[in-house]
Amino acid sequence: MVGTPQDTNIATKPVGFLQDDKGNNSSMRLMAIISLCSAIFFSGAVFWRIHQNYTENAREQARYLKLIEQEVSKDAPDLERIISSVERLDQLNQTEKGEEGMAIIYAFLGAAFGGKFVQKLAEARGSQSAPTKPKTIANPGSGL
């Protein structure tokens, strides 16, 4: 029977992960995935390097603290050596904390999600400004 719910069901083609709702390949999704993977990889590299810096600095700080302790325990401590060790400790405490790397990670994340966000806004604005009903065209034979 025509018009039954079984007849109106149309078999839909499955849409792939990198395709839009209509089944077209989406370069925007591909760029977002590449950018997201880059952000994840780069953040791992940045955090690994920050951890390395802190480990190296902790060893060097321990060495300078031991040197200061040895100098202070002497009967005649060398003040210049103690002051230079304290200055070096201060320099080690002001090491790189990865701000530049974090800025790059945020740029990757912005590229991954910002483009899709702008695209969705543009599509929404485009559908709002489009006329809802087509205008009738005057037909020369109808007398309008």
C-alpha atoms as a PDB file:
ATOM      1  CA  MET A   1       0.000   0.000   0.000  1.00  0.00           C
ATOM      2  CA  VAL A   2       1.329   3.423  -0.935  1.00  0.00           C
ATOM      3  CA  GLY A   3       1.632   5.968   1.873  1.00  0.00           C
ATOM      4  CA  THR A   4       2.234   3.470   4.677  1.00  0.00           C
ATOM      5  CA  PRO A   5       5.099   4.171   7.071  1.00  0.00           C
ATOM      6  CA  GLN A   6       7.057   1.254   5.630  1.00  0.00           C
ATOM      7  CA  ASP A   7       7.046   2.838   2.160  1.00  0.00           C
ATOM      8  CA  THR A   8       8.125   6.284   3.370  1.00  0.00           C
ATOM      9  CA  ASN A   9      11.233   4.993   5.151  1.00  0.00           C
ATOM     10  CA  ILE A  10      14.127   5.719   2.836  1.00  0.00           C
ATOM     11  CA  ALA A  11      17.359   3.862   3.416  1.00  0.00           C
ATOM     12  CA  THR A  12      19.906   6.460   4.460  1.00  0.00           C
ATOM     13  CA  LYS A  13      23.557   6.158   3.595  1.00  0.00           C
ATOM     14  CA  PRO A  14      25.783   6.073   6.696  1.00  0.00           C
ATOM     15  CA  VAL A  15      27.773   9.274   7.141  1.00  0.00           C
ATOM     16  CA  GLY A  16      31.491   8.955   7.825  1.00  0.00           C
ATOM     17  CA  PHE A  17      33.415  10.650  10.616  1.00  0.00           C
ATOM     18  CA  LEU A  18      35.023  13.196   8.271  1.00  0.00           C
ATOM     19  CA  GLN A  19      31.808  13.938   6.409  1.00  0.00           C
ATOM     20  CA  ASP A  20      29.126  16.518   7.085  1.00  0.00           C
ATOM     21  CA  ASP A  21      25.438  15.704   7.556  1.00  0.00           C
ATOM     22  CA  LYS A  22      24.854  15.533   3.806  1.00  0.00           C
ATOM     23  CA  GLY A  23      27.668  13.031   3.246  1.00  0.00           C
ATOM     24  CA  ASN A  24      30.129  15.513   1.714  1.00  0.00           C
ATOM     25  CA  ASN A  25      33.769  15.297   2.748  1.00  0.00           C
ATOM     26  CA  SER A  26      34.536  17.989   5.313  1.00  0.00           C
ATOM     27  CA  SER A  27      37.988  19.540   5.253  1.00  0.00           C
ATOM     28  CA  MET A  28      36.996  21.628   8.289  1.00  0.00           C
ATOM     29  CA  ARG A  29      36.625  18.466  10.384  1.00  0.00           C
ATOM     30  CA  LEU A  30      39.917  17.110   9.077  1.00  0.00           C
ATOM     31  CA  MET A  31      41.730  20.344   9.979  1.00  0.00           C
ATOM     32  CA  ALA A  32      40.113  20.325  13.437  1.00  0.00           C
ATOM     33  CA  ILE A  33      41.251  16.757  14.090  1.00  0.00           C
ATOM     34  CA  ILE A  34      44.789  17.483  12.886  1.00  0.00           C
ATOM     35  CA  SER A  35      44.960  20.579  15.077  1.00  0.00           C
ATOM     36  CA  LEU A  36      43.585  18.725  18.108  1.00  0.00           C
ATOM     37  CA  CYS A  37      46.111  15.909  17.670  1.00  0.00           C
ATOM     38  CA  SER A  38      48.886  18.505  17.307  1.00  0.00           C
ATOM     39  CA  ALA A  39      47.778  20.197  20.538  1.00  0.00           C
ATOM     40  CA  ILE A  40      47.780  16.881  22.400  1.00  0.00           C
ATOM     41  CA  PHE A  41      51.212  15.898  21.055  1.00  0.00           C
ATOM     42  CA  PHE A  42      52.738  19.334  21.651  1.00  0.00           C
ATOM     43  CA  SER A  43      51.337  19.563  25.190  1.00  0.00           C
ATOM     44  CA  GLY A  44      52.943  16.209  25.981  1.00  0.00           C
ATOM     45  CA  ALA A  45      56.278  17.504  24.691  1.00  0.00           C
ATOM     46  CA  VAL A  46      55.950  20.785  26.628  1.00  0.00           C
ATOM     47  CA  PHE A  47      55.050  19.086  29.904  1.00  0.00           C
ATOM     48  CA  TRP A  48      57.840  16.540  29.462  1.00  0.00           C
ATOM     49  CA  ARG A  49      60.360  19.381  28.967  1.00  0.00           C
ATOM     50  CA  ILE A  50      59.018  21.300  31.977  1.00  0.00           C
ATOM     51  CA  HIS A  51      59.394  18.150  34.077  1.00  0.00           C
ATOM     52  CA  GLN A  52      62.971  17.746  32.831  1.00  0.00           C
ATOM     53  CA  ASN A  53      63.782  21.361  33.729  1.00  0.00           C
ATOM     54  CA  TYR A  54      62.381  20.975  37.231  1.00  0.00           C
ATOM     55  CA  THR A  55      64.296  17.720  37.760  1.00  0.00           C
ATOM     56  CA  GLU A  56      67.578  19.273  36.608  1.00  0.00           C
ATOM     57  CA  ASN A  57      66.975  22.391  38.713  1.00  0.00           C
ATOM     58  CA  ALA A  58      66.141  20.328  41.798  1.00  0.00           C
ATOM     59  CA  ARG A  59      69.484  18.498  41.515  1.00  0.00           C
ATOM     60  CA  GLU A  60      71.379  21.755  41.061  1.00  0.00           C
ATOM     61  CA  GLN A  61      69.522  23.420  43.936  1.00  0.00           C
ATOM     62  CA  ALA A  62      70.378  20.491  46.196  1.00  0.00           C
ATOM     63  CA  ARG A  63      74.041  20.866  45.245  1.00  0.00           C
ATOM     64  CA  TYR A  64      74.042  24.608  46.038  1.00  0.00           C
ATOM     65  CA  LEU A  65      72.179  24.091  49.312  1.00  0.00           C
ATOM     66  CA  LYS A  66      74.742  21.482  50.350  1.00  0.00           C
ATOM     67  CA  LEU A  67      77.535  23.926  49.428  1.00  0.00           C
ATOM     68  CA  ILE A  68      75.919  26.671  51.520  1.00  0.00           C
ATOM     69  CA  GLU A  69      75.489  24.272  54.422  1.00  0.00           C
ATOM     70  CA  GLN A  70      79.164  23.271  54.257  1.00  0.00           C
ATOM     71  CA  GLU A  71      80.298  26.897  54.133  1.00  0.00           C
ATOM     72  CA  VAL A  72      78.106  27.931  57.053  1.00  0.00           C
ATOM     73  CA  SER A  73      79.338  25.029  59.201  1.00  0.00           C
ATOM     74  CA  LYS A  74      82.989  26.135  58.800  1.00  0.00           C
ATOM     75  CA  ASP A  75      84.689  28.253  61.433  1.00  0.00           C
ATOM     76  CA  ALA A  76      85.463  30.968  58.842  1.00  0.00           C
ATOM     77  CA  PRO A  77      82.799  30.807  56.112  1.00  0.00           C
ATOM     78  CA  ASP A  78      83.518  32.363  52.730  1.00  0.00           C
ATOM     79  CA  LEU A  79      80.727  34.970  52.418  1.00  0.00           C
ATOM     80  CA  GLU A  80      81.292  35.585  48.711  1.00  0.00           C
ATOM     81  CA  ARG A  81      80.804  31.901  47.982  1.00  0.00           C
ATOM     82  CA  ILE A  82      77.633  31.819  50.072  1.00  0.00           C
ATOM     83  CA  ILE A  83      76.229  34.945  48.377  1.00  0.00           C
ATOM     84  CA  SER A  84      76.988  33.615  44.890  1.00  0.00           C
ATOM     85  CA  SER A  85      75.316  30.308  45.801  1.00  0.00           C
ATOM     86  CA  VAL A  86      72.210  32.117  47.078  1.00  0.00           C
ATOM     87  CA  GLU A  87      72.097  34.226  43.899  1.00  0.00           C
ATOM     88  CA  ARG A  88      72.355  31.075  41.786  1.00  0.00           C
ATOM     89  CA  LEU A  89      69.510  29.505  43.786  1.00  0.00           C
ATOM     90  CA  ASP A  90      67.418  32.571  43.091  1.00  0.00           C
ATOM     91  CA  GLN A  91      68.143  32.256  39.366  1.00  0.00           C
ATOM     92  CA  LEU A  92      67.154  28.587  39.425  1.00  0.00           C
ATOM     93  CA  ASN A  93      63.837  29.451  41.063  1.00  0.00           C
ATOM     94  CA  GLN A  94      63.050  31.843  38.189  1.00  0.00           C
ATOM     95  CA  THR A  95      63.380  29.241  35.436  1.00  0.00           C
ATOM     96  CA  GLU A  96      61.152  28.737  32.429  1.00  0.00           C
ATOM     97  CA  LYS A  97      57.721  27.517  33.380  1.00  0.00           C
ATOM     98  CA  GLY A  98      56.480  26.812  29.867  1.00  0.00           C
ATOM     99  CA  GLU A  99      54.365  29.908  29.201  1.00  0.00           C
ATOM    100  CA  GLU A 100      55.423  30.013  25.541  1.00  0.00           C
ATOM    101  CA  GLY A 101      54.564  26.362  25.079  1.00  0.00           C
ATOM    102  CA  MET A 102      51.182  26.838  26.701  1.00  0.00           C
ATOM    103  CA  ALA A 103      50.436  29.736  24.357  1.00  0.00           C
ATOM    104  CA  ILE A 104      51.165  27.498  21.372  1.00  0.00           C
ATOM    105  CA  ILE A 105      48.925  24.767  22.793  1.00  0.00           C
ATOM    106  CA  TYR A 106      46.083  27.267  23.194  1.00  0.00           C
ATOM    107  CA  ALA A 107      46.622  28.397  19.599  1.00  0.00           C
ATOM    108  CA  PHE A 108      46.305  24.783  18.392  1.00  0.00           C
ATOM    109  CA  LEU A 109      43.138  24.302  20.440  1.00  0.00           C
ATOM    110  CA  GLY A 110      41.699  27.567  19.144  1.00  0.00           C
ATOM    111  CA  ALA A 111      42.403  26.444  15.598  1.00  0.00           C
ATOM    112  CA  ALA A 112      40.818  23.062  16.279  1.00  0.00           C
ATOM    113  CA  PHE A 113      37.553  24.371  17.680  1.00  0.00           C
ATOM    114  CA  GLY A 114      37.370  28.022  16.623  1.00  0.00           C
ATOM    115  CA  GLY A 115      36.962  27.376  12.921  1.00  0.00           C
ATOM    116  CA  LYS A 116      34.057  25.008  13.409  1.00  0.00           C
ATOM    117  CA  PHE A 117      32.433  27.471  15.830  1.00  0.00           C
ATOM    118  CA  VAL A 118      32.674  30.311  13.303  1.00  0.00           C
ATOM    119  CA  GLN A 119      31.332  28.033  10.581  1.00  0.00           C
ATOM    120  CA  LYS A 120      28.300  27.127  12.699  1.00  0.00           C
ATOM    121  CA  LEU A 121      27.631  30.812  13.437  1.00  0.00           C
ATOM    122  CA  ALA A 122      27.869  31.672   9.750  1.00  0.00           C
ATOM    123  CA  GLU A 123      25.496  28.851   8.814  1.00  0.00           C
ATOM    124  CA  ALA A 124      22.999  29.938  11.491  1.00  0.00           C
ATOM    125  CA  ARG A 125      23.083  33.571  10.368  1.00  0.00           C
ATOM    126  CA  GLY A 126      22.783  32.529   6.734  1.00  0.00           C
ATOM    127  CA  SER A 127      19.671  30.471   7.419  1.00  0.00           C
ATOM    128  CA  GLN A 128      18.085  33.322   9.403  1.00  0.00           C
ATOM    129  CA  SER A 129      18.615  35.862   6.626  1.00  0.00           C
ATOM    130  CA  ALA A 130      17.351  33.539   3.892  1.00  0.00           C
ATOM    131  CA  PRO A 131      13.730  34.108   2.852  1.00  0.00           C
ATOM    132  CA  THR A 132      11.356  31.484   4.176  1.00  0.00           C
ATOM    133  CA  LYS A 133       8.998  31.533   1.231  1.00  0.00           C
ATOM    134  CA  PRO A 134      10.034  32.008  -2.402  1.00  0.00           C
ATOM    135  CA  LYS A 135       8.570  35.037  -4.123  1.00  0.00           C
ATOM    136  CA  THR A 136       6.152  34.435  -6.943  1.00  0.00           C
ATOM    137  CA  ILE A 137       7.535  35.371 -10.311  1.00  0.00           C
ATOM    138  CA  ALA A 138       5.231  37.265 -12.627  1.00  0.00           C
ATOM    139  CA  ASN A 139       4.301  35.068 -15.547  1.00  0.00           C
ATOM    140  CA  PRO A 140       3.694  37.045 -18.764  1.00  0.00           C
ATOM    141  CA  GLY A 141       0.738  34.842 -19.688  1.00  0.00           C
ATOM    142  CA  SER A 142      -1.048  35.204 -16.355  1.00  0.00           C
ATOM    143  CA  GLY A 143      -1.567  38.957 -16.544  1.00  0.00           C
ATOM    144  CA  LEU A 144       0.150  39.869 -13.259  1.00  0.00           C
END
